[in-house]
Structure formats: C-alpha cells, structure tokens
C-alpha atoms as a PDB file:
ATOM      1  CA  MET A   1     120.999  19.082  36.602  1.00  0.00           C
ATOM      2  CA  LYS A   2     117.295  19.306  37.378  1.00  0.00           C
ATOM      3  CA  THR A   3     115.815  18.169  40.656  1.00  0.00           C
ATOM      4  CA  ASN A   4     112.331  16.816  41.110  1.00  0.00           C
ATOM      5  CA  ARG A   5     110.824  19.321  43.537  1.00  0.00           C
ATOM      6  CA  LYS A   6     107.509  17.504  43.720  1.00  0.00           C
ATOM      7  CA  SER A   7     109.237  14.248  44.643  1.00  0.00           C
ATOM      8  CA  ASN A   8     111.414  15.940  47.292  1.00  0.00           C
ATOM      9  CA  THR A   9     108.390  17.700  48.785  1.00  0.00           C
ATOM     10  CA  LYS A  10     106.473  14.416  48.924  1.00  0.00           C
ATOM     11  CA  ASP A  11     109.402  12.605  50.571  1.00  0.00           C
ATOM     12  CA  SER A  12     109.719  15.394  53.123  1.00  0.00           C
ATOM     13  CA  LYS A  13     106.023  15.130  54.028  1.00  0.00           C
ATOM     14  CA  ASN A  14     106.295  11.360  54.373  1.00  0.00           C
ATOM     15  CA  GLN A  15     109.256  11.715  56.740  1.00  0.00           C
ATOM     16  CA  LYS A  16     107.338  14.170  58.889  1.00  0.00           C
ATOM     17  CA  ALA A  17     104.336  11.853  58.939  1.00  0.00           C
ATOM     18  CA  ASP A  18     106.532   8.906  59.958  1.00  0.00           C
ATOM     19  CA  ASN A  19     108.025  10.855  62.874  1.00  0.00           C
ATOM     20  CA  LYS A  20     104.659  12.063  64.173  1.00  0.00           C
ATOM     21  CA  GLU A  21     102.992  10.058  66.923  1.00  0.00           C
ATOM     22  CA  PRO A  22      99.571   8.700  65.906  1.00  0.00           C
ATOM     23  CA  TYR A  23      96.593  10.520  67.367  1.00  0.00           C
ATOM     24  CA  ILE A  24      93.637   8.422  68.468  1.00  0.00           C
ATOM     25  CA  PRO A  25      90.561  10.433  69.553  1.00  0.00           C
ATOM     26  CA  GLY A  26      89.778   9.843  73.197  1.00  0.00           C
ATOM     27  CA  LEU A  27      93.020   7.967  73.902  1.00  0.00           C
ATOM     28  CA  TYR A  28      95.682  10.611  73.313  1.00  0.00           C
ATOM     29  CA  ASP A  29      97.969  11.144  76.305  1.00  0.00           C
ATOM     30  CA  LYS A  30      96.188   8.496  78.382  1.00  0.00           C
ATOM     31  CA  PRO A  31      98.255   6.779  81.100  1.00  0.00           C
ATOM     32  CA  ALA A  32      99.421   3.219  80.507  1.00  0.00           C
ATOM     33  CA  ILE A  33      97.806   2.115  83.760  1.00  0.00           C
ATOM     34  CA  GLU A  34      95.239   3.763  85.991  1.00  0.00           C
ATOM     35  CA  LEU A  35      92.977   2.643  88.813  1.00  0.00           C
ATOM     36  CA  ALA A  36      89.435   1.852  87.637  1.00  0.00           C
ATOM     37  CA  GLU A  37      87.013   2.553  90.476  1.00  0.00           C
ATOM     38  CA  VAL A  38      83.545   1.242  91.185  1.00  0.00           C
ATOM     39  CA  GLY A  39      81.184   4.213  91.389  1.00  0.00           C
ATOM     40  CA  ILE A  40      78.099   3.052  93.286  1.00  0.00           C
ATOM     41  CA  PRO A  41      75.422   5.781  93.487  1.00  0.00           C
ATOM     42  CA  LEU A  42      74.914   7.240  96.957  1.00  0.00           C
ATOM     43  CA  CYS A  43      71.153   7.763  96.612  1.00  0.00           C
ATOM     44  CA  MET A  44      70.085   4.244  97.675  1.00  0.00           C
ATOM     45  CA  GLU A  45      67.087   3.795  99.947  1.00  0.00           C
ATOM     46  CA  ALA A  46      64.677   1.076 101.070  1.00  0.00           C
ATOM     47  CA  CYS A  47      62.157   0.094  98.404  1.00  0.00           C
ATOM     48  CA  PRO A  48      58.639   1.283  99.328  1.00  0.00           C
ATOM     49  CA  ASP A  49      56.856  -1.285  97.122  1.00  0.00           C
ATOM     50  CA  THR A  50      58.126  -4.572  98.595  1.00  0.00           C
ATOM     51  CA  GLU A  51      56.700  -6.777 101.305  1.00  0.00           C
ATOM     52  CA  GLY A  52      58.370  -9.300 103.597  1.00  0.00           C
ATOM     53  CA  ASP A  53      61.440  -9.372 105.815  1.00  0.00           C
ATOM     54  CA  GLU A  54      64.127  -9.297 103.094  1.00  0.00           C
ATOM     55  CA  PRO A  55      65.463  -5.737 102.772  1.00  0.00           C
ATOM     56  CA  THR A  56      65.396  -4.320  99.250  1.00  0.00           C
ATOM     57  CA  LEU A  57      67.227  -1.229  97.998  1.00  0.00           C
ATOM     58  CA  VAL A  58      66.453   1.065  95.078  1.00  0.00           C
ATOM     59  CA  ASP A  59      68.193   3.978  93.401  1.00  0.00           C
ATOM     60  CA  LYS A  60      65.632   6.650  94.255  1.00  0.00           C
ATOM     61  CA  GLU A  61      66.745   8.853  91.354  1.00  0.00           C
ATOM     62  CA  HIS A  62      65.850   6.271  88.697  1.00  0.00           C
ATOM     63  CA  TYR A  63      63.459   3.748  90.262  1.00  0.00           C
ATOM     64  CA  GLY A  64      59.863   3.730  89.038  1.00  0.00           C
ATOM     65  CA  LYS A  65      60.161   6.322  86.270  1.00  0.00           C
ATOM     66  CA  LEU A  66      57.223   6.533  83.866  1.00  0.00           C
ATOM     67  CA  TYR A  67      57.690   6.550  80.085  1.00  0.00           C
ATOM     68  CA  THR A  68      55.128   6.952  77.297  1.00  0.00           C
ATOM     69  CA  VAL A  69      55.481   4.414  74.471  1.00  0.00           C
ATOM     70  CA  ALA A  70      54.150   4.416  70.909  1.00  0.00           C
ATOM     71  CA  ASP A  71      52.369   1.659  69.021  1.00  0.00           C
ATOM     72  CA  GLY A  72      54.636  -0.552  66.914  1.00  0.00           C
ATOM     73  CA  SER A  73      57.821   1.004  68.301  1.00  0.00           C
ATOM     74  CA  PHE A  74      60.892  -0.890  69.517  1.00  0.00           C
ATOM     75  CA  TYR A  75      62.656   0.073  72.745  1.00  0.00           C
ATOM     76  CA  THR A  76      65.919  -0.882  74.434  1.00  0.00           C
ATOM     77  CA  ILE A  77      65.412  -1.318  78.191  1.00  0.00           C
ATOM     78  CA  ARG A  78      68.174  -1.102  80.787  1.00  0.00           C
ATOM     79  CA  LEU A  79      67.457  -2.075  84.389  1.00  0.00           C
ATOM     80  CA  GLY A  80      70.191  -2.046  87.000  1.00  0.00           C
ATOM     81  CA  ILE A  81      72.581   0.151  88.937  1.00  0.00           C
ATOM     82  CA  HIS A  82      73.317   3.555  87.415  1.00  0.00           C
ATOM     83  CA  SER A  83      76.953   3.640  88.500  1.00  0.00           C
ATOM     84  CA  SER A  84      79.718   5.933  87.259  1.00  0.00           C
ATOM     85  CA  SER A  85      80.360   5.624  83.531  1.00  0.00           C
ATOM     86  CA  LEU A  86      84.061   6.238  84.231  1.00  0.00           C
ATOM     87  CA  GLY A  87      84.481   3.118  86.359  1.00  0.00           C
ATOM     88  CA  ILE A  88      83.939  -0.615  86.020  1.00  0.00           C
ATOM     89  CA  GLY A  89      80.618  -2.367  86.496  1.00  0.00           C
ATOM     90  CA  ALA A  90      79.049  -2.490  89.952  1.00  0.00           C
ATOM     91  CA  MET A  91      78.220  -6.234  89.812  1.00  0.00           C
ATOM     92  CA  ASP A  92      80.464  -9.189  89.039  1.00  0.00           C
ATOM     93  CA  GLU A  93      80.146 -12.783  87.827  1.00  0.00           C
ATOM     94  CA  SER A  94      78.868 -14.026  91.212  1.00  0.00           C
ATOM     95  CA  CYS A  95      75.703 -11.896  91.089  1.00  0.00           C
ATOM     96  CA  ALA A  96      72.305 -13.087  89.898  1.00  0.00           C
ATOM     97  CA  VAL A  97      69.498 -11.237  88.162  1.00  0.00           C
ATOM     98  CA  ALA A  98      65.793 -12.007  87.674  1.00  0.00           C
ATOM     99  CA  CYS A  99      63.615  -9.829  85.450  1.00  0.00           C
ATOM    100  CA  MET A 100      59.846  -9.891  85.013  1.00  0.00           C
ATOM    101  CA  ILE A 101      58.162  -8.567  81.875  1.00  0.00           C
ATOM    102  CA  PRO A 102      54.331  -8.616  81.822  1.00  0.00           C
ATOM    103  CA  ALA A 103      52.890 -10.764  79.016  1.00  0.00           C
ATOM    104  CA  THR A 104      49.298  -9.504  79.294  1.00  0.00           C
ATOM    105  CA  SER A 105      47.736  -6.300  77.977  1.00  0.00           C
ATOM    106  CA  ASP A 106      47.147  -3.287  80.220  1.00  0.00           C
ATOM    107  CA  GLU A 107      47.172   0.511  80.202  1.00  0.00           C
ATOM    108  CA  THR A 108      50.413   0.551  82.230  1.00  0.00           C
ATOM    109  CA  GLN A 109      53.153  -2.078  82.247  1.00  0.00           C
ATOM    110  CA  ARG A 110      55.721  -2.466  85.029  1.00  0.00           C
ATOM    111  CA  LEU A 111      59.073  -3.971  84.031  1.00  0.00           C
ATOM    112  CA  MET A 112      61.163  -4.981  87.051  1.00  0.00           C
ATOM    113  CA  ALA A 113      64.528  -6.618  87.712  1.00  0.00           C
ATOM    114  CA  LEU A 114      65.928  -7.965  90.997  1.00  0.00           C
ATOM    115  CA  PHE A 115      69.684  -8.188  91.519  1.00  0.00           C
ATOM    116  CA  PHE A 116      71.179 -10.532  94.122  1.00  0.00           C
ATOM    117  CA  ILE A 117      74.671  -9.425  95.203  1.00  0.00           C
ATOM    118  CA  PRO A 118      76.528 -11.829  97.570  1.00  0.00           C
ATOM    119  CA  GLU A 119      78.445  -9.006  99.309  1.00  0.00           C
ATOM    120  CA  ILE A 120      75.243  -7.443 100.639  1.00  0.00           C
ATOM    121  CA  ASP A 121      73.131 -10.604 101.113  1.00  0.00           C
ATOM    122  CA  PRO A 122      70.310 -10.824 102.223  1.00  0.00           C
ATOM    123  CA  VAL A 123      69.799  -7.292 100.891  1.00  0.00           C
ATOM    124  CA  ARG A 124      68.564  -7.196  97.308  1.00  0.00           C
ATOM    125  CA  PHE A 125      68.628  -4.415  94.742  1.00  0.00           C
ATOM    126  CA  VAL A 126      65.634  -3.746  92.509  1.00  0.00           C
ATOM    127  CA  ASP A 127      65.090  -1.488  89.533  1.00  0.00           C
ATOM    128  CA  ALA A 128      61.801  -0.890  87.722  1.00  0.00           C
ATOM    129  CA  ILE A 129      60.248   1.325  85.081  1.00  0.00           C
ATOM    130  CA  LEU A 130      56.633   1.978  84.115  1.00  0.00           C
ATOM    131  CA  LEU A 131      55.435   2.120  80.508  1.00  0.00           C
ATOM    132  CA  ARG A 132      52.247   3.896  79.547  1.00  0.00           C
ATOM    133  CA  ALA A 133      50.495   4.009  76.184  1.00  0.00           C
ATOM    134  CA  GLU A 134      49.472   7.224  74.504  1.00  0.00           C
ATOM    135  CA  LYS A 135      45.935   8.361  75.426  1.00  0.00           C
ATOM    136  CA  GLY A 136      45.641   5.606  78.055  1.00  0.00           C
ATOM    137  CA  GLN A 137      45.150   2.811  75.555  1.00  0.00           C
ATOM    138  CA  LYS A 138      45.799  -0.823  76.471  1.00  0.00           C
ATOM    139  CA  PHE A 139      48.910  -2.429  75.026  1.00  0.00           C
ATOM    140  CA  ARG A 140      51.125  -5.468  75.354  1.00  0.00           C
ATOM    141  CA  VAL A 141      54.884  -5.920  75.371  1.00  0.00           C
ATOM    142  CA  GLU A 142      56.721  -8.412  73.169  1.00  0.00           C
ATOM    143  CA  TYR A 143      60.268  -9.459  74.053  1.00  0.00           C
ATOM    144  CA  ILE A 144      62.756  -9.345  71.156  1.00  0.00           C
ATOM    145  CA  TYR A 145      64.230 -12.827  70.988  1.00  0.00           C
ATOM    146  CA  GLY A 146      67.977 -12.959  71.679  1.00  0.00           C
ATOM    147  CA  SER A 147      68.271  -9.348  72.874  1.00  0.00           C
ATOM    148  CA  ALA A 148      69.041  -9.979  76.578  1.00  0.00           C
ATOM    149  CA  ALA A 149      72.572  -9.106  77.705  1.00  0.00           C
ATOM    150  CA  LEU A 150      74.501  -7.955  80.758  1.00  0.00           C
ATOM    151  CA  GLU A 151      75.997  -4.546  80.025  1.00  0.00           C
ATOM    152  CA  ALA A 152      78.487  -2.202  81.680  1.00  0.00           C
ATOM    153  CA  ASN A 153      77.521   1.442  82.102  1.00  0.00           C
ATOM    154  CA  ASN A 154      80.644   2.584  80.247  1.00  0.00           C
ATOM    155  CA  ASP A 155      79.544   0.777  77.044  1.00  0.00           C
ATOM    156  CA  SER A 156      82.876  -1.019  76.788  1.00  0.00           C
ATOM    157  CA  ARG A 157      81.467  -4.544  77.022  1.00  0.00           C
ATOM    158  CA  ALA A 158      78.331  -6.635  77.067  1.00  0.00           C
ATOM    159  CA  LEU A 159      77.665 -10.339  77.589  1.00  0.00           C
ATOM    160  CA  PRO A 160      74.715 -11.758  75.623  1.00  0.00           C
ATOM    161  CA  LEU A 161      72.648 -14.265  77.603  1.00  0.00           C
ATOM    162  CA  ARG A 162      71.809 -17.746  76.394  1.00  0.00           C
ATOM    163  CA  HIS A 163      68.387 -18.230  74.840  1.00  0.00           C
ATOM    164  CA  ASP A 164      67.335 -20.547  77.676  1.00  0.00           C
ATOM    165  CA  ALA A 165      67.757 -17.665  80.142  1.00  0.00           C
ATOM    166  CA  VAL A 166      64.346 -16.441  78.919  1.00  0.00           C
ATOM    167  CA  THR A 167      61.166 -18.371  79.782  1.00  0.00           C
ATOM    168  CA  LYS A 168      57.452 -17.683  80.145  1.00  0.00           C
ATOM    169  CA  GLU A 169      55.689 -18.395  83.412  1.00  0.00           C
ATOM    170  CA  ASP A 170      51.991 -17.597  83.891  1.00  0.00           C
ATOM    171  CA  ASP A 171      51.514 -13.935  82.919  1.00  0.00           C
ATOM    172  CA  TYR A 172      55.207 -12.985  82.793  1.00  0.00           C
ATOM    173  CA  ILE A 173      58.257 -13.371  80.592  1.00  0.00           C
ATOM    174  CA  ILE A 174      61.137 -14.198  82.930  1.00  0.00           C
ATOM    175  CA  ILE A 175      64.812 -13.448  82.288  1.00  0.00           C
ATOM    176  CA  LEU A 176      66.963 -15.323  84.802  1.00  0.00           C
ATOM    177  CA  GLN A 177      70.755 -15.475  85.037  1.00  0.00           C
ATOM    178  CA  ASN A 178      72.168 -17.061  88.210  1.00  0.00           C
ATOM    179  CA  GLY A 179      75.830 -16.097  88.135  1.00  0.00           C
ATOM    180  CA  LEU A 180      78.170 -16.708  85.224  1.00  0.00           C
ATOM    181  CA  ASP A 181      79.604 -20.169  85.948  1.00  0.00           C
ATOM    182  CA  GLY A 182      80.299 -21.811  82.609  1.00  0.00           C
ATOM    183  CA  GLU A 183      79.558 -18.568  80.727  1.00  0.00           C
ATOM    184  CA  ILE A 184      83.055 -17.072  80.850  1.00  0.00           C
ATOM    185  CA  PRO A 185      86.541 -18.679  81.157  1.00  0.00           C
ATOM    186  CA  ASP A 186      87.776 -19.458  84.674  1.00  0.00           C
ATOM    187  CA  PHE A 187      90.733 -17.105  84.252  1.00  0.00           C
ATOM    188  CA  CYS A 188      88.481 -14.117  83.447  1.00  0.00           C
ATOM    189  CA  THR A 189      86.171 -11.848  85.363  1.00  0.00           C
ATOM    190  CA  PHE A 190      83.222  -9.785  84.195  1.00  0.00           C
ATOM    191  CA  THR A 191      81.497  -6.762  85.684  1.00  0.00           C
ATOM    192  CA  TYR A 192      78.254  -5.136  84.635  1.00  0.00           C
ATOM    193  CA  ASP A 193      75.632  -2.601  85.698  1.00  0.00           C
ATOM    194  CA  PHE A 194      72.511  -3.418  83.701  1.00  0.00           C
ATOM    195  CA  LEU A 195      70.375  -6.151  82.310  1.00  0.00           C
ATOM    196  CA  ARG A 196      69.678  -4.915  78.779  1.00  0.00           C
ATOM    197  CA  PHE A 197      66.955  -6.217  76.490  1.00  0.00           C
ATOM    198  CA  GLN A 198      64.638  -5.010  73.738  1.00  0.00           C
ATOM    199  CA  ILE A 199      60.866  -4.975  73.452  1.00  0.00           C
ATOM    200  CA  LYS A 200      58.168  -4.113  70.930  1.00  0.00           C
ATOM    201  CA  VAL A 201      55.024  -2.251  71.982  1.00  0.00           C
ATOM    202  CA  ILE A 202      51.718  -3.313  70.420  1.00  0.00           C
ATOM    203  CA  TYR A 203      48.494  -1.451  71.102  1.00  0.00           C
ATOM    204  CA  VAL A 204      45.428  -3.580  71.714  1.00  0.00           C
ATOM    205  CA  GLU A 205      42.156  -2.552  70.061  1.00  0.00           C
END
C-alpha cells in the first residue's frame, strides 16, 4: 500500500503552524497591561519673547528653531510639547490651543502656537518655529484646508479639527480649539502633544 508522502508532509507542516503562536512585529512578548507614563520634558524655561504679567514657558531645546523652505513645497508642521514617545500625550481634552500663521509675505515667517493647560494656569506654554526662504527671498504661507489635527507624540492617534476651527483675522490665519467638549464621547478621554497642520510655501516675485 502506497502512502502519499507529499500529503503527509503538508499535513505535518500545517499542524506545526497551527501550534505556533502568531508573531506580530513590535508586539511580541508585550505585557497585557502596563503603566503608560506622561513624559514631560525637563528643559522648560521662561519664554524670552513675551511681554506682560502672564508667565509663559517654552521647551528651550525646540523653541524658535529656524528652517529653510523651498518654493512650491508642502510641509507638515508640529507645534507643541515634545514629550516622551513611549508615554501618553502631555495634554488632555480640557486644554486649549491657539495657533497663528502669518498670511502676508516676508523673508522670514514665524509660526506660533499657545497652549492653555488648566493644571498650570495662569502659566501658558508656547512653541514656535521660524521659516526662511532660500537666498532670502520673500514668500507666503498657504494653509492646507482640513489638515489641522491634535496628535500624540507616539503616533498612535490623532483627532482632526473641525473646519470652523480655522479662521482668518487681519494678517493671520488662526487655528483655535478650546477644549474638546462635544468633539469626543463623554465616556472617553483624549491626550495629545502637538497641533499638526500642513502648509504650502510660495515664493513671491
């Protein structure tokens, strides 16, 4: 009596495959529950560029960095708290954010966001970057419609903002989100580190 060796070999491989635990890259041997910590950077200091009595903090490692931008290019901007990528977001649904994007042409553009955190009120947190054109040419910044979102540093989640969160006032495009009431279910919470949005750079002749 002949036996089908190919069939037996195939069945044996299938049995081994069935008994083997699935391997998922990045998740293998992870605990079922672990404490997720908030990693606030320790390099905060008073902002040197603000006036008035309200104290304002910046992350001195990232605040005010200068970047060179190219004509016709699109960029994703993140302004916020550069917390640990292994933890949860540094800000929750009770926090508010206001961002100002210049709408006029200049050789250097300053994009700035203020974060209002109830736990440290009246202290505010501010983040800003500077954009400069190649060869010192004047340029303007165009906001990419619908791109604004609140984003966690660990890239696990983002919350797109409503279109009416973006307005234009005088010489600025304003992104304003005052807490998340009505944006997420009452039985949920949300934490984030950055206001994320996209822009297009256009050189001015």
